[in-house]
C-alpha atoms as a PDB file:
ATOM      1  CA  MET A   1      17.201   4.360   0.138  1.00  0.00           C
ATOM      2  CA  PRO A   2      14.665   6.570   1.930  1.00  0.00           C
ATOM      3  CA  GLY A   3      10.978   5.975   2.451  1.00  0.00           C
ATOM      4  CA  LEU A   4       7.914   7.906   3.616  1.00  0.00           C
ATOM      5  CA  ILE A   5       4.390   7.240   4.836  1.00  0.00           C
ATOM      6  CA  GLY A   6       1.690   8.891   2.779  1.00  0.00           C
ATOM      7  CA  LYS A   7      -1.963   8.993   1.902  1.00  0.00           C
ATOM      8  CA  LYS A   8      -3.575   8.255  -1.457  1.00  0.00           C
ATOM      9  CA  ILE A   9      -5.374  11.409  -2.594  1.00  0.00           C
ATOM     10  CA  GLY A  10      -6.774  10.007  -5.840  1.00  0.00           C
ATOM     11  CA  MET A  11      -6.142   9.526  -9.539  1.00  0.00           C
ATOM     12  CA  THR A  12      -5.880  12.034 -12.366  1.00  0.00           C
ATOM     13  CA  SER A  13      -4.066  12.324 -15.675  1.00  0.00           C
ATOM     14  CA  VAL A  14      -1.385  14.566 -17.155  1.00  0.00           C
ATOM     15  CA  PHE A  15      -0.157  15.205 -20.685  1.00  0.00           C
ATOM     16  CA  SER A  16       3.403  14.328 -21.638  1.00  0.00           C
ATOM     17  CA  ALA A  17       5.633  16.439 -23.874  1.00  0.00           C
ATOM     18  CA  GLU A  18       4.608  14.216 -26.797  1.00  0.00           C
ATOM     19  CA  GLY A  19       0.927  14.910 -26.110  1.00  0.00           C
ATOM     20  CA  LYS A  20       0.119  11.500 -24.608  1.00  0.00           C
ATOM     21  CA  ASN A  21      -2.444  11.329 -21.800  1.00  0.00           C
ATOM     22  CA  ILE A  22      -0.769   9.555 -18.834  1.00  0.00           C
ATOM     23  CA  PRO A  23      -2.883   8.186 -15.944  1.00  0.00           C
ATOM     24  CA  CYS A  24      -1.293   8.964 -12.579  1.00  0.00           C
ATOM     25  CA  THR A  25      -1.906   8.875  -8.835  1.00  0.00           C
ATOM     26  CA  VAL A  26      -1.465  11.786  -6.429  1.00  0.00           C
ATOM     27  CA  ILE A  27       0.015  10.841  -3.042  1.00  0.00           C
ATOM     28  CA  GLU A  28       0.416  13.092  -0.020  1.00  0.00           C
ATOM     29  CA  ALA A  29       3.866  12.010   1.207  1.00  0.00           C
ATOM     30  CA  GLY A  30       4.568  13.247   4.731  1.00  0.00           C
ATOM     31  CA  PRO A  31       5.341  15.224   6.729  1.00  0.00           C
ATOM     32  CA  CYS A  32       6.673  12.297   8.751  1.00  0.00           C
ATOM     33  CA  VAL A  33       8.326  12.594  12.167  1.00  0.00           C
ATOM     34  CA  VAL A  34      11.240  10.392  13.274  1.00  0.00           C
ATOM     35  CA  THR A  35       9.997   8.720  16.473  1.00  0.00           C
ATOM     36  CA  GLN A  36      12.667   6.035  16.937  1.00  0.00           C
ATOM     37  CA  ILE A  37      16.030   5.023  15.514  1.00  0.00           C
ATOM     38  CA  ARG A  38      16.964   1.341  15.585  1.00  0.00           C
ATOM     39  CA  THR A  39      20.647   0.423  15.687  1.00  0.00           C
ATOM     40  CA  VAL A  40      22.495  -2.846  15.134  1.00  0.00           C
ATOM     41  CA  GLU A  41      24.187  -2.597  18.545  1.00  0.00           C
ATOM     42  CA  LYS A  42      20.951  -2.168  20.492  1.00  0.00           C
ATOM     43  CA  ASP A  43      18.233  -3.785  18.345  1.00  0.00           C
ATOM     44  CA  GLY A  44      20.140  -6.115  16.040  1.00  0.00           C
ATOM     45  CA  TYR A  45      19.144  -4.258  12.881  1.00  0.00           C
ATOM     46  CA  ALA A  46      19.257  -0.729  11.501  1.00  0.00           C
ATOM     47  CA  ALA A  47      15.979   1.062  10.800  1.00  0.00           C
ATOM     48  CA  VAL A  48      14.168   4.370  11.151  1.00  0.00           C
ATOM     49  CA  GLN A  49      10.670   4.555  12.637  1.00  0.00           C
ATOM     50  CA  LEU A  50       8.472   7.243  11.119  1.00  0.00           C
ATOM     51  CA  ALA A  51       5.054   8.496  12.276  1.00  0.00           C
ATOM     52  CA  TYR A  52       2.421  10.234  10.156  1.00  0.00           C
ATOM     53  CA  ASP A  53      -1.019  11.875  10.431  1.00  0.00           C
ATOM     54  CA  GLU A  54      -2.416  13.498  13.566  1.00  0.00           C
ATOM     55  CA  LYS A  55      -4.325  11.465  16.156  1.00  0.00           C
ATOM     56  CA  LYS A  56      -6.511  12.668  19.039  1.00  0.00           C
ATOM     57  CA  GLU A  57      -4.742  12.480  22.386  1.00  0.00           C
ATOM     58  CA  LYS A  58      -7.766  10.925  24.104  1.00  0.00           C
ATOM     59  CA  GLN A  59      -7.622   8.031  21.611  1.00  0.00           C
ATOM     60  CA  THR A  60      -3.924   7.366  22.297  1.00  0.00           C
ATOM     61  CA  SER A  61      -2.733   4.912  24.954  1.00  0.00           C
ATOM     62  CA  ALA A  62      -0.441   6.108  27.747  1.00  0.00           C
ATOM     63  CA  PRO A  63       2.637   4.170  26.534  1.00  0.00           C
ATOM     64  CA  LEU A  64       2.275   5.651  23.049  1.00  0.00           C
ATOM     65  CA  LYS A  65       1.857   9.148  24.495  1.00  0.00           C
ATOM     66  CA  GLY A  66       5.210   8.727  26.241  1.00  0.00           C
ATOM     67  CA  HIS A  67       6.759   7.317  23.067  1.00  0.00           C
ATOM     68  CA  PHE A  68       5.712  10.336  21.005  1.00  0.00           C
ATOM     69  CA  ALA A  69       6.610  12.782  23.800  1.00  0.00           C
ATOM     70  CA  LYS A  70      10.176  11.426  23.814  1.00  0.00           C
ATOM     71  CA  ALA A  71      10.401  12.424  20.127  1.00  0.00           C
ATOM     72  CA  GLY A  72       8.914  15.838  20.917  1.00  0.00           C
ATOM     73  CA  THR A  73       5.816  15.397  18.765  1.00  0.00           C
ATOM     74  CA  THR A  74       2.056  14.994  19.082  1.00  0.00           C
ATOM     75  CA  PRO A  75       0.363  11.555  18.849  1.00  0.00           C
ATOM     76  CA  LYS A  76       0.286  10.138  15.331  1.00  0.00           C
ATOM     77  CA  GLN A  77      -2.060   7.746  13.564  1.00  0.00           C
ATOM     78  CA  LYS A  78       0.354   5.610  11.526  1.00  0.00           C
ATOM     79  CA  VAL A  79       3.768   4.316  12.617  1.00  0.00           C
ATOM     80  CA  VAL A  80       6.046   2.412  10.220  1.00  0.00           C
ATOM     81  CA  GLU A  81       9.663   1.243  10.318  1.00  0.00           C
ATOM     82  CA  PHE A  82      11.861   1.492   7.246  1.00  0.00           C
ATOM     83  CA  LYS A  83      14.793  -0.921   7.332  1.00  0.00           C
ATOM     84  CA  VAL A  84      16.605   1.071   4.684  1.00  0.00           C
ATOM     85  CA  GLY A  85      19.181   3.711   5.508  1.00  0.00           C
ATOM     86  CA  PHE A  86      18.825   7.439   4.895  1.00  0.00           C
ATOM     87  CA  ASP A  87      21.623   9.473   3.397  1.00  0.00           C
ATOM     88  CA  GLN A  88      21.350  12.130   6.082  1.00  0.00           C
ATOM     89  CA  GLU A  89      21.983  11.685   9.787  1.00  0.00           C
ATOM     90  CA  LEU A  90      18.596  11.583  11.499  1.00  0.00           C
ATOM     91  CA  LYS A  91      17.671  12.184  15.118  1.00  0.00           C
ATOM     92  CA  LEU A  92      14.464  12.007  17.151  1.00  0.00           C
ATOM     93  CA  GLY A  93      11.943  14.665  16.180  1.00  0.00           C
ATOM     94  CA  ASP A  94      13.287  15.298  12.667  1.00  0.00           C
ATOM     95  CA  VAL A  95      10.573  15.985  10.096  1.00  0.00           C
ATOM     96  CA  LEU A  96      10.796  14.446   6.616  1.00  0.00           C
ATOM     97  CA  THR A  97       8.747  15.820   3.728  1.00  0.00           C
ATOM     98  CA  ALA A  98       8.148  14.940   0.082  1.00  0.00           C
ATOM     99  CA  GLU A  99      11.456  16.656  -0.672  1.00  0.00           C
ATOM    100  CA  VAL A 100      13.069  13.277   0.100  1.00  0.00           C
ATOM    101  CA  PHE A 101      11.930  12.157  -3.375  1.00  0.00           C
ATOM    102  CA  ALA A 102      13.028  15.338  -5.179  1.00  0.00           C
ATOM    103  CA  ASN A 103      15.787  13.513  -7.097  1.00  0.00           C
ATOM    104  CA  THR A 104      14.102  10.110  -7.230  1.00  0.00           C
ATOM    105  CA  GLN A 105      13.101   8.619 -10.582  1.00  0.00           C
ATOM    106  CA  TYR A 106      11.231   5.476  -9.472  1.00  0.00           C
ATOM    107  CA  VAL A 107       9.461   4.416  -6.256  1.00  0.00           C
ATOM    108  CA  ASP A 108       7.887   1.273  -4.838  1.00  0.00           C
ATOM    109  CA  VAL A 109       4.471   1.786  -3.241  1.00  0.00           C
ATOM    110  CA  ILE A 110       2.933  -0.487  -0.593  1.00  0.00           C
ATOM    111  CA  GLY A 111      -0.751  -0.307   0.309  1.00  0.00           C
ATOM    112  CA  THR A 112      -3.800  -2.353   1.305  1.00  0.00           C
ATOM    113  CA  SER A 113      -5.982  -3.263  -1.657  1.00  0.00           C
ATOM    114  CA  LYS A 114      -9.709  -2.553  -1.665  1.00  0.00           C
ATOM    115  CA  GLY A 115     -11.723  -5.212   0.147  1.00  0.00           C
ATOM    116  CA  ARG A 116     -14.295  -6.925  -2.095  1.00  0.00           C
ATOM    117  CA  GLY A 117     -15.689  -9.372   0.438  1.00  0.00           C
ATOM    118  CA  PHE A 118     -16.630 -12.937  -0.553  1.00  0.00           C
ATOM    119  CA  GLN A 119     -16.459 -13.361  -4.337  1.00  0.00           C
ATOM    120  CA  GLY A 120     -17.037 -16.275  -6.693  1.00  0.00           C
ATOM    121  CA  VAL A 121     -14.554 -17.865  -9.063  1.00  0.00           C
ATOM    122  CA  VAL A 122     -15.534 -15.762 -12.096  1.00  0.00           C
ATOM    123  CA  LYS A 123     -14.622 -12.472 -10.421  1.00  0.00           C
ATOM    124  CA  ARG A 124     -11.887 -13.804  -8.147  1.00  0.00           C
ATOM    125  CA  HIS A 125      -9.971 -16.043 -10.574  1.00  0.00           C
ATOM    126  CA  GLY A 126     -11.323 -15.141 -14.005  1.00  0.00           C
ATOM    127  CA  PHE A 127     -13.154 -18.435 -14.616  1.00  0.00           C
ATOM    128  CA  GLN A 128     -15.286 -18.543 -17.749  1.00  0.00           C
ATOM    129  CA  GLY A 129     -18.212 -20.309 -16.104  1.00  0.00           C
ATOM    130  CA  VAL A 130     -19.787 -23.671 -16.852  1.00  0.00           C
ATOM    131  CA  GLY A 131     -21.210 -24.337 -20.325  1.00  0.00           C
ATOM    132  CA  GLY A 132     -23.274 -21.588 -21.900  1.00  0.00           C
ATOM    133  CA  ALA A 133     -26.649 -19.950 -21.608  1.00  0.00           C
ATOM    134  CA  THR A 134     -28.068 -22.058 -24.492  1.00  0.00           C
ATOM    135  CA  HIS A 135     -27.173 -25.483 -23.035  1.00  0.00           C
ATOM    136  CA  GLY A 136     -30.308 -26.002 -21.012  1.00  0.00           C
ATOM    137  CA  GLN A 137     -28.887 -24.437 -17.830  1.00  0.00           C
ATOM    138  CA  HIS A 138     -30.504 -21.824 -15.674  1.00  0.00           C
ATOM    139  CA  ASN A 139     -28.418 -21.773 -12.458  1.00  0.00           C
ATOM    140  CA  ARG A 140     -24.905 -23.020 -13.271  1.00  0.00           C
ATOM    141  CA  LEU A 141     -23.446 -20.284 -15.485  1.00  0.00           C
ATOM    142  CA  ARG A 142     -21.047 -18.737 -12.923  1.00  0.00           C
ATOM    143  CA  HIS A 143     -20.180 -21.947 -11.045  1.00  0.00           C
ATOM    144  CA  PRO A 144     -16.624 -23.378 -11.013  1.00  0.00           C
ATOM    145  CA  GLY A 145     -17.503 -26.769 -12.507  1.00  0.00           C
ATOM    146  CA  SER A 146     -15.522 -29.901 -11.631  1.00  0.00           C
ATOM    147  CA  LEU A 147     -13.155 -29.512  -8.662  1.00  0.00           C
ATOM    148  CA  GLY A 148     -10.950 -32.533  -9.223  1.00  0.00           C
ATOM    149  CA  ALA A 149     -10.710 -36.318  -9.477  1.00  0.00           C
ATOM    150  CA  CYS A 150     -13.727 -38.636  -9.214  1.00  0.00           C
ATOM    151  CA  ALA A 151     -12.479 -42.161  -8.437  1.00  0.00           C
ATOM    152  CA  TRP A 152      -9.089 -41.435  -6.894  1.00  0.00           C
ATOM    153  CA  PRO A 153      -7.960 -39.720  -4.697  1.00  0.00           C
ATOM    154  CA  SER A 154     -11.640 -38.785  -4.095  1.00  0.00           C
ATOM    155  CA  ARG A 155     -10.855 -35.419  -2.589  1.00  0.00           C
ATOM    156  CA  VAL A 156     -10.241 -31.818  -3.542  1.00  0.00           C
ATOM    157  CA  PHE A 157      -6.560 -30.888  -3.531  1.00  0.00           C
ATOM    158  CA  PRO A 158      -5.344 -28.051  -1.278  1.00  0.00           C
ATOM    159  CA  GLY A 159      -4.911 -24.787  -3.171  1.00  0.00           C
ATOM    160  CA  THR A 160      -7.724 -25.414  -5.628  1.00  0.00           C
ATOM    161  CA  ARG A 161      -9.085 -22.097  -6.842  1.00  0.00           C
ATOM    162  CA  MET A 162     -12.524 -21.480  -5.375  1.00  0.00           C
ATOM    163  CA  GLY A 163     -14.698 -18.634  -4.193  1.00  0.00           C
ATOM    164  CA  GLY A 164     -13.568 -16.806  -1.058  1.00  0.00           C
ATOM    165  CA  HIS A 165     -12.288 -13.616   0.530  1.00  0.00           C
ATOM    166  CA  MET A 166     -10.996 -11.188  -2.083  1.00  0.00           C
ATOM    167  CA  GLY A 167      -8.968  -8.014  -1.582  1.00  0.00           C
ATOM    168  CA  ASN A 168      -8.032  -6.247   1.681  1.00  0.00           C
ATOM    169  CA  ALA A 169      -4.468  -7.586   1.357  1.00  0.00           C
ATOM    170  CA  ARG A 170      -1.043  -5.955   1.481  1.00  0.00           C
ATOM    171  CA  VAL A 171       0.121  -5.225  -2.074  1.00  0.00           C
ATOM    172  CA  LYS A 172       3.465  -3.838  -3.279  1.00  0.00           C
ATOM    173  CA  VAL A 173       3.779  -2.188  -6.686  1.00  0.00           C
ATOM    174  CA  PHE A 174       7.323  -1.875  -8.023  1.00  0.00           C
ATOM    175  CA  ASN A 175       9.039   0.791 -10.120  1.00  0.00           C
ATOM    176  CA  LEU A 176       6.386   3.468 -10.481  1.00  0.00           C
ATOM    177  CA  GLU A 177       7.783   6.479 -12.309  1.00  0.00           C
ATOM    178  CA  VAL A 178       7.786   9.751 -10.355  1.00  0.00           C
ATOM    179  CA  LEU A 179       6.275  12.370 -12.660  1.00  0.00           C
ATOM    180  CA  LYS A 180       6.296  15.362 -10.322  1.00  0.00           C
ATOM    181  CA  VAL A 181       7.209  16.283  -6.734  1.00  0.00           C
ATOM    182  CA  MET A 182       5.631  19.321  -5.027  1.00  0.00           C
ATOM    183  CA  PRO A 183       7.466  19.742  -1.693  1.00  0.00           C
ATOM    184  CA  GLU A 184       5.513  22.880  -0.739  1.00  0.00           C
ATOM    185  CA  ASN A 185       2.293  20.781  -0.638  1.00  0.00           C
ATOM    186  CA  ASN A 186       3.951  17.439   0.226  1.00  0.00           C
ATOM    187  CA  LEU A 187       2.547  15.894  -2.945  1.00  0.00           C
ATOM    188  CA  VAL A 188       4.121  13.248  -5.180  1.00  0.00           C
ATOM    189  CA  VAL A 189       2.596  12.338  -8.547  1.00  0.00           C
ATOM    190  CA  VAL A 190       3.425   8.814  -9.765  1.00  0.00           C
ATOM    191  CA  LYS A 191       2.595   7.147 -13.059  1.00  0.00           C
ATOM    192  CA  GLY A 192      -0.120   4.486 -12.944  1.00  0.00           C
ATOM    193  CA  SER A 193      -2.270   3.222 -10.091  1.00  0.00           C
ATOM    194  CA  VAL A 194      -1.435   2.283  -6.505  1.00  0.00           C
ATOM    195  CA  PRO A 195      -3.332  -0.159  -4.259  1.00  0.00           C
ATOM    196  CA  GLY A 196      -6.009   1.082  -1.880  1.00  0.00           C
ATOM    197  CA  ALA A 197      -8.974   3.410  -1.738  1.00  0.00           C
ATOM    198  CA  LYS A 198      -8.866   7.207  -1.607  1.00  0.00           C
ATOM    199  CA  GLY A 199      -7.596   8.356   1.782  1.00  0.00           C
ATOM    200  CA  SER A 200      -5.879   5.050   2.586  1.00  0.00           C
ATOM    201  CA  TYR A 201      -2.315   4.929   3.923  1.00  0.00           C
ATOM    202  CA  VAL A 202       0.534   3.936   1.636  1.00  0.00           C
ATOM    203  CA  MET A 203       4.286   3.492   2.129  1.00  0.00           C
ATOM    204  CA  MET A 204       6.677   4.806  -0.487  1.00  0.00           C
ATOM    205  CA  GLU A 205      10.245   3.563  -0.921  1.00  0.00           C
ATOM    206  CA  ASP A 206      12.970   4.786  -3.257  1.00  0.00           C
END
């Protein structure tokens, strides 16, 4: 089950053979360079470390420069390990492109959702709000209302839904249909939306 690091280009739509308009996301998948190969004998688990997107040498630490030099490549911005095995035998310095998904029907996509900062309960949890606009209220419409018991146990239980930090979290979307793969441009078009803003990094798994 292979995987690649990519970048979310944006959303568009395509027409199916039946004439339906299908929303889809365009992802630039690769090229990714193999920078390390983990083995059960040496590391206790089997994995392939891939690196993606160019990074300025002056912004790269000395240990990382040596790490990338050992693989025979320039410094990269994003490094990810995939604990799944590849069909082909890989070695340091190998380059993987979107062609990996040429015969793939569905992929899982991992990304970081858009950060929305501190949000209230109406936006964060879908609360309806307290009362209504015609019930003599002027400043309680979007408040959460009662938070729990009054007499006993006289406290708010852990896990109660309240306002707080929303978004900017790791999200995995399963079983997105691959509509089209363009290896010459390293582009993969998947059905539906994927987490993150335009230009954000995503990980794709078969």
